[in-house]
Amino acid sequence: MPFSQKMRSLLVIAFFACIAITVATEKESVCCKEVSSKKITVPITGFKIQPSRPPCVKAVIFYTAEGAVCSHWREDWVKNKVTQLRRLQAKEKSLTMSTSTFTPRTAGSTLNN
């Protein structure tokens, strides 16, 4: 196969790979075009603040075992839940940092003070 045909084949493969990656990424990302004021009753596993970028509207995206839920950012229960989740994240982060700096001593080791 001449060089130009090989190059053309590689470009076609790269093109389709880019399309496949783009489609896969779009399926994973959520774009809230509408929001709900209804309180979520299932466990929330995470959240994301979505800024207003048409066609997406400003929203809080809560992730649950049942999927993503687009909630209105001005609702009091949404604000309270975001505050609660942020505190939980900060607490987990501080626990992780404090345990990661702990260095256990082995038998026979001494500290030079």
C-alpha atoms as a PDB file:
ATOM      1  CA  MET A   1       0.000   0.000   0.000  1.00  0.00           C
ATOM      2  CA  PRO A   2       1.494   3.383  -0.950  1.00  0.00           C
ATOM      3  CA  PHE A   3       2.285   5.882   1.781  1.00  0.00           C
ATOM      4  CA  SER A   4      -0.612   8.226   0.909  1.00  0.00           C
ATOM      5  CA  GLN A   5      -3.165   5.395   1.197  1.00  0.00           C
ATOM      6  CA  LYS A   6      -1.739   4.379   4.582  1.00  0.00           C
ATOM      7  CA  MET A   7      -1.908   7.972   5.749  1.00  0.00           C
ATOM      8  CA  ARG A   8      -5.476   8.320   4.481  1.00  0.00           C
ATOM      9  CA  SER A   9      -6.482   5.110   6.291  1.00  0.00           C
ATOM     10  CA  LEU A  10      -4.909   6.335   9.528  1.00  0.00           C
ATOM     11  CA  LEU A  11      -6.720   9.670   9.236  1.00  0.00           C
ATOM     12  CA  VAL A  12     -10.066   7.915   8.709  1.00  0.00           C
ATOM     13  CA  ILE A  13      -9.462   5.701  11.743  1.00  0.00           C
ATOM     14  CA  ALA A  14      -8.433   8.703  13.850  1.00  0.00           C
ATOM     15  CA  PHE A  15     -11.529  10.615  12.703  1.00  0.00           C
ATOM     16  CA  PHE A  16     -13.899   7.825  13.731  1.00  0.00           C
ATOM     17  CA  ALA A  17     -12.052   7.357  17.031  1.00  0.00           C
ATOM     18  CA  CYS A  18     -12.553  11.059  17.811  1.00  0.00           C
ATOM     19  CA  ILE A  19     -16.258  10.783  17.026  1.00  0.00           C
ATOM     20  CA  ALA A  20     -16.599   7.713  19.265  1.00  0.00           C
ATOM     21  CA  ILE A  21     -14.835   9.477  22.143  1.00  0.00           C
ATOM     22  CA  THR A  22     -17.010  12.579  21.730  1.00  0.00           C
ATOM     23  CA  VAL A  23     -20.222  10.546  21.740  1.00  0.00           C
ATOM     24  CA  ALA A  24     -19.118   8.592  24.821  1.00  0.00           C
ATOM     25  CA  THR A  25     -18.233  11.812  26.660  1.00  0.00           C
ATOM     26  CA  GLU A  26     -21.546  13.448  25.792  1.00  0.00           C
ATOM     27  CA  LYS A  27     -23.473  10.479  27.194  1.00  0.00           C
ATOM     28  CA  GLU A  28     -21.653  10.810  30.537  1.00  0.00           C
ATOM     29  CA  SER A  29     -22.091  14.563  30.899  1.00  0.00           C
ATOM     30  CA  VAL A  30     -25.440  15.882  32.037  1.00  0.00           C
ATOM     31  CA  CYS A  31     -26.900  19.098  30.689  1.00  0.00           C
ATOM     32  CA  CYS A  32     -29.922  20.243  32.644  1.00  0.00           C
ATOM     33  CA  LYS A  33     -32.329  22.081  30.381  1.00  0.00           C
ATOM     34  CA  GLU A  34     -35.072  21.993  33.010  1.00  0.00           C
ATOM     35  CA  VAL A  35     -34.944  21.842  36.801  1.00  0.00           C
ATOM     36  CA  SER A  36     -37.155  20.391  39.488  1.00  0.00           C
ATOM     37  CA  SER A  37     -38.141  21.876  42.837  1.00  0.00           C
ATOM     38  CA  LYS A  38     -39.172  18.462  44.167  1.00  0.00           C
ATOM     39  CA  LYS A  39     -37.133  17.246  47.138  1.00  0.00           C
ATOM     40  CA  ILE A  40     -35.049  14.141  46.466  1.00  0.00           C
ATOM     41  CA  THR A  41     -35.934  11.191  48.708  1.00  0.00           C
ATOM     42  CA  VAL A  42     -33.332   8.649  47.513  1.00  0.00           C
ATOM     43  CA  PRO A  43     -29.727   8.731  48.819  1.00  0.00           C
ATOM     44  CA  ILE A  44     -27.527  11.338  47.157  1.00  0.00           C
ATOM     45  CA  THR A  45     -24.025  10.164  46.279  1.00  0.00           C
ATOM     46  CA  GLY A  46     -22.642  13.430  44.916  1.00  0.00           C
ATOM     47  CA  PHE A  47     -23.440  16.738  43.279  1.00  0.00           C
ATOM     48  CA  LYS A  48     -22.224  19.258  40.746  1.00  0.00           C
ATOM     49  CA  ILE A  49     -23.093  22.918  40.244  1.00  0.00           C
ATOM     50  CA  GLN A  50     -23.992  23.549  36.609  1.00  0.00           C
ATOM     51  CA  PRO A  51     -23.574  27.147  35.415  1.00  0.00           C
ATOM     52  CA  SER A  52     -25.959  28.643  32.902  1.00  0.00           C
ATOM     53  CA  ARG A  53     -24.539  27.944  29.437  1.00  0.00           C
ATOM     54  CA  PRO A  54     -27.339  27.642  26.885  1.00  0.00           C
ATOM     55  CA  PRO A  55     -28.927  25.272  26.251  1.00  0.00           C
ATOM     56  CA  CYS A  56     -28.029  24.241  29.834  1.00  0.00           C
ATOM     57  CA  VAL A  57     -29.646  26.194  32.680  1.00  0.00           C
ATOM     58  CA  LYS A  58     -28.196  27.031  36.085  1.00  0.00           C
ATOM     59  CA  ALA A  59     -28.836  24.011  38.296  1.00  0.00           C
ATOM     60  CA  VAL A  60     -27.525  21.717  40.984  1.00  0.00           C
ATOM     61  CA  ILE A  61     -27.095  18.216  39.616  1.00  0.00           C
ATOM     62  CA  PHE A  62     -27.487  15.627  42.346  1.00  0.00           C
ATOM     63  CA  TYR A  63     -26.176  12.146  41.585  1.00  0.00           C
ATOM     64  CA  THR A  64     -28.197   9.288  43.040  1.00  0.00           C
ATOM     65  CA  ALA A  65     -28.324   5.524  42.603  1.00  0.00           C
ATOM     66  CA  GLU A  66     -31.255   6.154  40.252  1.00  0.00           C
ATOM     67  CA  GLY A  67     -29.325   8.646  38.105  1.00  0.00           C
ATOM     68  CA  ALA A  68     -28.774  12.384  37.883  1.00  0.00           C
ATOM     69  CA  VAL A  69     -31.444  14.806  39.080  1.00  0.00           C
ATOM     70  CA  CYS A  70     -31.518  18.454  37.996  1.00  0.00           C
ATOM     71  CA  SER A  71     -32.631  20.618  40.918  1.00  0.00           C
ATOM     72  CA  HIS A  72     -33.396  24.322  41.133  1.00  0.00           C
ATOM     73  CA  TRP A  73     -30.452  26.082  42.778  1.00  0.00           C
ATOM     74  CA  ARG A  74     -32.661  28.595  44.627  1.00  0.00           C
ATOM     75  CA  GLU A  75     -34.624  26.014  46.609  1.00  0.00           C
ATOM     76  CA  ASP A  76     -33.834  26.104  50.341  1.00  0.00           C
ATOM     77  CA  TRP A  77     -33.559  22.314  50.588  1.00  0.00           C
ATOM     78  CA  VAL A  78     -31.054  22.333  47.684  1.00  0.00           C
ATOM     79  CA  LYS A  79     -28.900  24.985  49.370  1.00  0.00           C
ATOM     80  CA  ASN A  80     -29.003  23.064  52.650  1.00  0.00           C
ATOM     81  CA  LYS A  81     -28.093  19.760  50.958  1.00  0.00           C
ATOM     82  CA  VAL A  82     -25.160  21.345  49.072  1.00  0.00           C
ATOM     83  CA  THR A  83     -23.885  22.881  52.335  1.00  0.00           C
ATOM     84  CA  GLN A  84     -24.236  19.520  54.081  1.00  0.00           C
ATOM     85  CA  LEU A  85     -22.405  17.677  51.278  1.00  0.00           C
ATOM     86  CA  ARG A  86     -19.605  20.275  51.177  1.00  0.00           C
ATOM     87  CA  ARG A  87     -19.082  19.926  54.929  1.00  0.00           C
ATOM     88  CA  LEU A  88     -18.962  16.163  54.549  1.00  0.00           C
ATOM     89  CA  GLN A  89     -16.399  16.495  51.727  1.00  0.00           C
ATOM     90  CA  ALA A  90     -14.259  18.842  53.848  1.00  0.00           C
ATOM     91  CA  LYS A  91     -14.445  16.472  56.803  1.00  0.00           C
ATOM     92  CA  GLU A  92     -13.432  13.498  54.637  1.00  0.00           C
ATOM     93  CA  LYS A  93     -10.608  15.519  53.118  1.00  0.00           C
ATOM     94  CA  SER A  94      -9.245  16.524  56.529  1.00  0.00           C
ATOM     95  CA  LEU A  95      -9.457  12.908  57.739  1.00  0.00           C
ATOM     96  CA  THR A  96      -7.591  11.747  54.646  1.00  0.00           C
ATOM     97  CA  MET A  97      -4.912  14.395  55.120  1.00  0.00           C
ATOM     98  CA  SER A  98      -4.432  13.636  58.805  1.00  0.00           C
ATOM     99  CA  THR A  99      -4.171   9.894  58.248  1.00  0.00           C
ATOM    100  CA  SER A 100      -1.871  10.265  55.264  1.00  0.00           C
ATOM    101  CA  THR A 101       0.651  12.271  57.307  1.00  0.00           C
ATOM    102  CA  PHE A 102       0.784   9.635  60.043  1.00  0.00           C
ATOM    103  CA  THR A 103       3.933   7.538  59.896  1.00  0.00           C
ATOM    104  CA  PRO A 104       3.784   4.423  62.043  1.00  0.00           C
ATOM    105  CA  ARG A 105       6.917   3.429  63.923  1.00  0.00           C
ATOM    106  CA  THR A 106       8.241  -0.050  63.485  1.00  0.00           C
ATOM    107  CA  ALA A 107       9.539  -2.209  66.288  1.00  0.00           C
ATOM    108  CA  GLY A 108      12.997  -1.105  67.364  1.00  0.00           C
ATOM    109  CA  SER A 109      12.737   2.363  65.829  1.00  0.00           C
ATOM    110  CA  THR A 110      13.559   5.341  68.020  1.00  0.00           C
ATOM    111  CA  LEU A 111      12.801   9.015  67.842  1.00  0.00           C
ATOM    112  CA  ASN A 112      15.611  11.479  68.281  1.00  0.00           C
ATOM    113  CA  ASN A 113      14.092  14.462  70.083  1.00  0.00           C
END
